[in-house]
Amino acid sequence: MLCLSVSGSSVVVDSVGADTCPAGDYVAFTQAEVNDYLVSPFKLTLDEGAAISTAVIAIWALGYGIRMAIRTLRERSDGSDSSSE
């Protein structure tokens, strides 16, 4: 981290760290430091993304299967009532 002090048209760079920067100064981070501080749920490896997508598809398939089973049971019960009348 770099501490940047701006006065007029000049910039003073100090590499002591953001903890010791005076109030009103700017702090510059490297990309590696930003990656360390920001934990994104979307930074996934290929294996992690595949596991999540597999789980989502499996849950969708389970829900579809349950819906079709309920529909089949309702059609059977509706069909047996109408044939007995």
N, C-alpha and C. Protein backbone atom coordinates (compact mmCIF):
# COMPACT_ATOMS: atom_id res chain seq x y z
N MET A 1 0.85 -1.17 0.00
CA MET A 1 0.00 0.00 0.00
C MET A 1 0.90 1.24 0.00
N LEU A 2 0.42 2.21 -0.70
CA LEU A 2 1.14 3.46 -0.78
C LEU A 2 0.25 4.58 -0.25
N CYS A 3 0.84 5.49 0.45
CA CYS A 3 0.13 6.66 0.94
C CYS A 3 0.49 7.83 0.01
N LEU A 4 -0.52 8.44 -0.58
CA LEU A 4 -0.30 9.53 -1.53
C LEU A 4 -0.82 10.83 -0.94
N SER A 5 0.08 11.79 -0.77
CA SER A 5 -0.30 13.12 -0.28
C SER A 5 -0.28 14.09 -1.46
N VAL A 6 -1.39 14.75 -1.70
CA VAL A 6 -1.51 15.69 -2.81
C VAL A 6 -1.52 17.10 -2.23
N SER A 7 -0.58 17.91 -2.70
CA SER A 7 -0.55 19.31 -2.29
C SER A 7 -0.29 20.16 -3.53
N GLY A 8 -1.30 20.90 -3.95
CA GLY A 8 -1.18 21.71 -5.16
C GLY A 8 -1.07 20.82 -6.37
N SER A 9 0.02 20.95 -7.10
CA SER A 9 0.22 20.14 -8.29
C SER A 9 1.27 19.05 -8.06
N SER A 10 1.68 18.85 -6.81
CA SER A 10 2.69 17.82 -6.52
C SER A 10 2.07 16.67 -5.71
N VAL A 11 2.62 15.50 -5.90
CA VAL A 11 2.17 14.31 -5.19
C VAL A 11 3.38 13.70 -4.48
N VAL A 12 3.22 13.46 -3.19
CA VAL A 12 4.28 12.84 -2.40
C VAL A 12 3.85 11.40 -2.11
N VAL A 13 4.70 10.45 -2.48
CA VAL A 13 4.40 9.03 -2.30
C VAL A 13 5.19 8.52 -1.11
N ASP A 14 4.47 7.87 -0.18
CA ASP A 14 5.09 7.30 1.01
C ASP A 14 4.65 5.85 1.11
N SER A 15 5.58 4.96 1.29
CA SER A 15 5.24 3.53 1.30
C SER A 15 5.17 2.96 2.70
N VAL A 16 4.80 3.78 3.68
CA VAL A 16 4.75 3.29 5.06
C VAL A 16 3.51 2.45 5.32
N GLY A 17 2.46 2.61 4.55
CA GLY A 17 1.25 1.82 4.74
C GLY A 17 0.06 2.71 5.01
N ALA A 18 -1.10 2.13 4.82
CA ALA A 18 -2.34 2.89 4.96
C ALA A 18 -2.68 3.17 6.42
N ASP A 19 -2.15 2.39 7.34
CA ASP A 19 -2.46 2.60 8.75
C ASP A 19 -1.88 3.91 9.27
N THR A 20 -0.79 4.35 8.69
CA THR A 20 -0.13 5.58 9.17
C THR A 20 -0.38 6.77 8.27
N CYS A 21 -1.27 6.63 7.28
CA CYS A 21 -1.60 7.75 6.40
C CYS A 21 -2.40 8.79 7.16
N PRO A 22 -2.04 10.06 7.03
CA PRO A 22 -2.85 11.10 7.65
C PRO A 22 -4.23 11.18 7.01
N ALA A 23 -5.18 11.71 7.74
CA ALA A 23 -6.54 11.86 7.21
C ALA A 23 -6.51 12.79 6.02
N GLY A 24 -7.26 12.48 4.99
CA GLY A 24 -7.32 13.31 3.79
C GLY A 24 -6.37 12.88 2.71
N ASP A 25 -5.44 11.96 2.99
CA ASP A 25 -4.53 11.46 1.98
C ASP A 25 -5.17 10.27 1.26
N TYR A 26 -4.63 9.96 0.12
CA TYR A 26 -5.12 8.84 -0.67
C TYR A 26 -4.28 7.60 -0.40
N VAL A 27 -4.90 6.44 -0.53
CA VAL A 27 -4.19 5.17 -0.36
C VAL A 27 -4.30 4.42 -1.68
N ALA A 28 -3.17 3.98 -2.22
CA ALA A 28 -3.15 3.22 -3.47
C ALA A 28 -2.83 1.76 -3.15
N PHE A 29 -3.62 0.86 -3.73
CA PHE A 29 -3.45 -0.57 -3.52
C PHE A 29 -2.96 -1.23 -4.80
N THR A 30 -2.21 -2.30 -4.65
CA THR A 30 -1.88 -3.13 -5.81
C THR A 30 -3.05 -4.07 -6.06
N GLN A 31 -3.07 -4.69 -7.24
CA GLN A 31 -4.16 -5.61 -7.56
C GLN A 31 -4.17 -6.80 -6.60
N ALA A 32 -3.01 -7.27 -6.20
CA ALA A 32 -2.94 -8.40 -5.27
C ALA A 32 -3.54 -8.02 -3.91
N GLU A 33 -3.30 -6.81 -3.45
CA GLU A 33 -3.89 -6.36 -2.18
C GLU A 33 -5.40 -6.21 -2.28
N VAL A 34 -5.89 -5.73 -3.41
CA VAL A 34 -7.34 -5.62 -3.60
C VAL A 34 -7.96 -7.01 -3.59
N ASN A 35 -7.32 -7.97 -4.25
CA ASN A 35 -7.84 -9.34 -4.27
C ASN A 35 -7.85 -9.94 -2.87
N ASP A 36 -6.89 -9.59 -2.03
CA ASP A 36 -6.86 -10.11 -0.66
C ASP A 36 -7.99 -9.53 0.18
N TYR A 37 -8.33 -8.26 -0.03
CA TYR A 37 -9.34 -7.59 0.80
C TYR A 37 -10.77 -7.86 0.33
N LEU A 38 -10.96 -8.02 -0.96
CA LEU A 38 -12.30 -8.23 -1.49
C LEU A 38 -12.51 -9.72 -1.74
N VAL A 39 -13.37 -10.32 -0.97
CA VAL A 39 -13.68 -11.72 -1.15
C VAL A 39 -14.99 -11.79 -1.92
N SER A 40 -14.92 -12.20 -3.15
CA SER A 40 -16.09 -12.26 -4.02
C SER A 40 -16.62 -13.69 -4.08
N PRO A 41 -17.94 -13.85 -3.96
CA PRO A 41 -18.47 -15.21 -4.10
C PRO A 41 -18.42 -15.71 -5.54
N PHE A 42 -18.06 -14.86 -6.48
CA PHE A 42 -18.02 -15.24 -7.88
C PHE A 42 -16.61 -15.61 -8.34
N LYS A 43 -15.64 -15.55 -7.45
CA LYS A 43 -14.29 -15.99 -7.81
C LYS A 43 -14.21 -17.48 -7.55
N LEU A 44 -14.63 -18.27 -8.53
CA LEU A 44 -14.68 -19.72 -8.38
C LEU A 44 -13.70 -20.38 -9.34
N THR A 45 -13.21 -21.52 -8.91
CA THR A 45 -12.42 -22.33 -9.83
C THR A 45 -13.39 -23.08 -10.74
N LEU A 46 -12.87 -23.73 -11.75
CA LEU A 46 -13.71 -24.47 -12.67
C LEU A 46 -14.43 -25.62 -11.94
N ASP A 47 -13.73 -26.28 -11.04
CA ASP A 47 -14.34 -27.38 -10.30
C ASP A 47 -15.45 -26.89 -9.37
N GLU A 48 -15.24 -25.75 -8.71
CA GLU A 48 -16.27 -25.21 -7.82
C GLU A 48 -17.51 -24.78 -8.60
N GLY A 49 -17.31 -24.16 -9.74
CA GLY A 49 -18.44 -23.76 -10.59
C GLY A 49 -19.21 -24.96 -11.11
N ALA A 50 -18.49 -26.00 -11.48
CA ALA A 50 -19.15 -27.22 -11.96
C ALA A 50 -19.95 -27.88 -10.85
N ALA A 51 -19.43 -27.88 -9.63
CA ALA A 51 -20.15 -28.47 -8.50
C ALA A 51 -21.43 -27.71 -8.20
N ILE A 52 -21.36 -26.39 -8.24
CA ILE A 52 -22.55 -25.57 -7.97
C ILE A 52 -23.59 -25.76 -9.06
N SER A 53 -23.16 -25.74 -10.32
CA SER A 53 -24.13 -25.90 -11.41
C SER A 53 -24.75 -27.30 -11.40
N THR A 54 -23.98 -28.31 -11.04
CA THR A 54 -24.52 -29.66 -10.93
C THR A 54 -25.57 -29.74 -9.83
N ALA A 55 -25.30 -29.09 -8.70
CA ALA A 55 -26.27 -29.09 -7.59
C ALA A 55 -27.55 -28.37 -7.99
N VAL A 56 -27.44 -27.26 -8.68
CA VAL A 56 -28.64 -26.51 -9.11
C VAL A 56 -29.46 -27.34 -10.09
N ILE A 57 -28.81 -27.96 -11.05
CA ILE A 57 -29.53 -28.79 -12.03
C ILE A 57 -30.17 -29.99 -11.35
N ALA A 58 -29.49 -30.59 -10.37
CA ALA A 58 -30.06 -31.73 -9.66
C ALA A 58 -31.31 -31.32 -8.88
N ILE A 59 -31.29 -30.17 -8.26
CA ILE A 59 -32.46 -29.70 -7.51
C ILE A 59 -33.62 -29.40 -8.47
N TRP A 60 -33.31 -28.78 -9.62
CA TRP A 60 -34.36 -28.53 -10.62
C TRP A 60 -34.96 -29.86 -11.08
N ALA A 61 -34.12 -30.84 -11.35
CA ALA A 61 -34.61 -32.14 -11.81
C ALA A 61 -35.45 -32.82 -10.74
N LEU A 62 -35.05 -32.71 -9.49
CA LEU A 62 -35.82 -33.28 -8.39
C LEU A 62 -37.19 -32.61 -8.30
N GLY A 63 -37.23 -31.31 -8.38
CA GLY A 63 -38.49 -30.58 -8.35
C GLY A 63 -39.39 -30.95 -9.52
N TYR A 64 -38.81 -31.10 -10.70
CA TYR A 64 -39.59 -31.49 -11.88
C TYR A 64 -40.15 -32.90 -11.70
N GLY A 65 -39.34 -33.80 -11.16
CA GLY A 65 -39.79 -35.17 -10.92
C GLY A 65 -40.93 -35.22 -9.92
N ILE A 66 -40.82 -34.46 -8.86
CA ILE A 66 -41.89 -34.41 -7.86
C ILE A 66 -43.16 -33.84 -8.47
N ARG A 67 -43.02 -32.79 -9.28
CA ARG A 67 -44.19 -32.18 -9.93
C ARG A 67 -44.87 -33.16 -10.87
N MET A 68 -44.09 -33.91 -11.63
CA MET A 68 -44.67 -34.89 -12.54
C MET A 68 -45.34 -36.03 -11.77
N ALA A 69 -44.75 -36.45 -10.64
CA ALA A 69 -45.36 -37.51 -9.83
C ALA A 69 -46.70 -37.04 -9.26
N ILE A 70 -46.76 -35.82 -8.79
CA ILE A 70 -48.02 -35.28 -8.26
C ILE A 70 -49.05 -35.17 -9.37
N ARG A 71 -48.63 -34.71 -10.53
CA ARG A 71 -49.56 -34.59 -11.66
C ARG A 71 -50.11 -35.96 -12.05
N THR A 72 -49.24 -36.98 -12.08
CA THR A 72 -49.67 -38.33 -12.42
C THR A 72 -50.67 -38.86 -11.39
N LEU A 73 -50.40 -38.65 -10.12
CA LEU A 73 -51.32 -39.11 -9.08
C LEU A 73 -52.67 -38.40 -9.18
N ARG A 74 -52.67 -37.13 -9.47
CA ARG A 74 -53.92 -36.39 -9.61
C ARG A 74 -54.71 -36.87 -10.82
N GLU A 75 -54.02 -37.12 -11.93
CA GLU A 75 -54.71 -37.61 -13.12
C GLU A 75 -55.31 -38.99 -12.89
N ARG A 76 -54.59 -39.83 -12.17
CA ARG A 76 -55.10 -41.18 -11.87
C ARG A 76 -56.33 -41.09 -10.95
N SER A 77 -56.25 -40.21 -9.95
CA SER A 77 -57.39 -40.11 -9.04
C SER A 77 -58.58 -39.46 -9.74
N ASP A 78 -58.35 -38.50 -10.63
CA ASP A 78 -59.44 -37.89 -11.39
C ASP A 78 -60.03 -38.89 -12.37
N GLY A 79 -59.21 -39.71 -13.00
CA GLY A 79 -59.68 -40.69 -13.96
C GLY A 79 -60.47 -41.79 -13.30
N SER A 80 -60.08 -42.24 -12.13
CA SER A 80 -60.81 -43.32 -11.45
C SER A 80 -62.14 -42.84 -10.93
N ASP A 81 -62.25 -41.56 -10.52
CA ASP A 81 -63.52 -41.02 -10.04
C ASP A 81 -64.52 -40.92 -11.18
N SER A 82 -64.10 -40.50 -12.35
CA SER A 82 -65.01 -40.30 -13.47
C SER A 82 -65.47 -41.63 -14.05
N SER A 83 -64.63 -42.67 -13.98
CA SER A 83 -65.03 -43.97 -14.52
C SER A 83 -65.99 -44.69 -13.58
N SER A 84 -65.96 -44.38 -12.30
CA SER A 84 -66.85 -45.04 -11.35
C SER A 84 -68.24 -44.42 -11.34
N GLU A 85 -68.39 -43.22 -11.88
CA GLU A 85 -69.69 -42.55 -11.86
C GLU A 85 -70.63 -43.04 -12.89
